[in-house]
Amino acid sequence: MEELHKTSIRVSDIASQYWCERQMEYNYKYGKKMTTAALKEGRMLHEELEGEVNVPIILQPKNYPDFMYKSLYTSYMALDALKKNKKTREVQIYGSIMGYKVVGKIDQLDLKDGKVAILEDKTRASDNVPSDNQRITHRIQAMAYKKLIDDIMEGSYTVDNFIRAYHTGTMKLTEEFIRQLDALAISKELQNIDTVATRFFKDMKTFGKTSDTLYIRYINQFTGKEIDLYKFQYSDDEMQGIIKYVMKYWSGERKSMPVPEQEKWKCSYCVYFGKECTVWWQQKVL
């Protein structure tokens, strides 16, 4: 954590460890070298889908406390949309795994048969269905989100845990940001990070349970066409095994792992191959 200058683990980091842990680490060490166009297409699609469900909240944070407030307030309002519309988008979720802060943003939550169903959207450059190697990272991401929500619903991760972990009690919003909140007619009572955090955690618990069925929707990033809707069942045993494996890296018990030899074909798609990473370079991946 110290080496990568991180104070929390993103759920997407955990998922990326199952594609190539070394690549995930190098993304932090050397900066993400991804195609700008691909990122832009995916972001635009997510924003378009969010606008179809949630009321847009236009706020411009000026510092970290402002950013934290916006994240919590947007997620709090997203839960309100879930109650009213049975569907919501872009919910920031916080939690803890083995004492480490974990954070992520869930693409979509649906109310189905009295339970909250988690759906993740993945964009693709073609209509081809993803391989099993690609699916596993998506499965892990969805399962991790379920664990974080379940921990809140069951009371093992509370707003008090959140406040202590992020020291929000000492955070102060900027005057400019407060003027923005006033312009949106957000009550003075709610113009406080701890208050909106309390509301968010309380509302999350009211939904009761999450569905054991998790969904991954694959979408063509250029046409917006749905390619495939993949669903699978959550396994607590599998999740515990994942936690045990990934946390040995974050706790410093082991170094980052490169892909195994049978998966070295992945190196052909990695920008670090032959430069920062030479594990399989001598064999020149075909």
Foldseek 3Di string as FASTA:
>chain_A
DVVLPDQAAELLLLLVLLLWNVLSSVCSVPNDDDDPVVVVLVVVLLVVVQVVQADDDDFDADDDLLVLLVLLLRLLRQLVSCVVPQKHAWHKFWDDDPRGTYIYTFGMWGQDPLAIAGEAEDEDQDLDDDDPSVVSSVVSSQLVVQVRLVCLLVVVCHLVNVCVSVVQVPDDGDPVRVVSCVVVVPDPQSPGSSSSSNSSSVSSNVSPHHAQKYWYWYAHSVPRDTNDIDIDGHDPVVNVVSSVVVVCPVVVVDDTGGDDPVSCLVLVVRPCDPPVDPPPVVVPRD
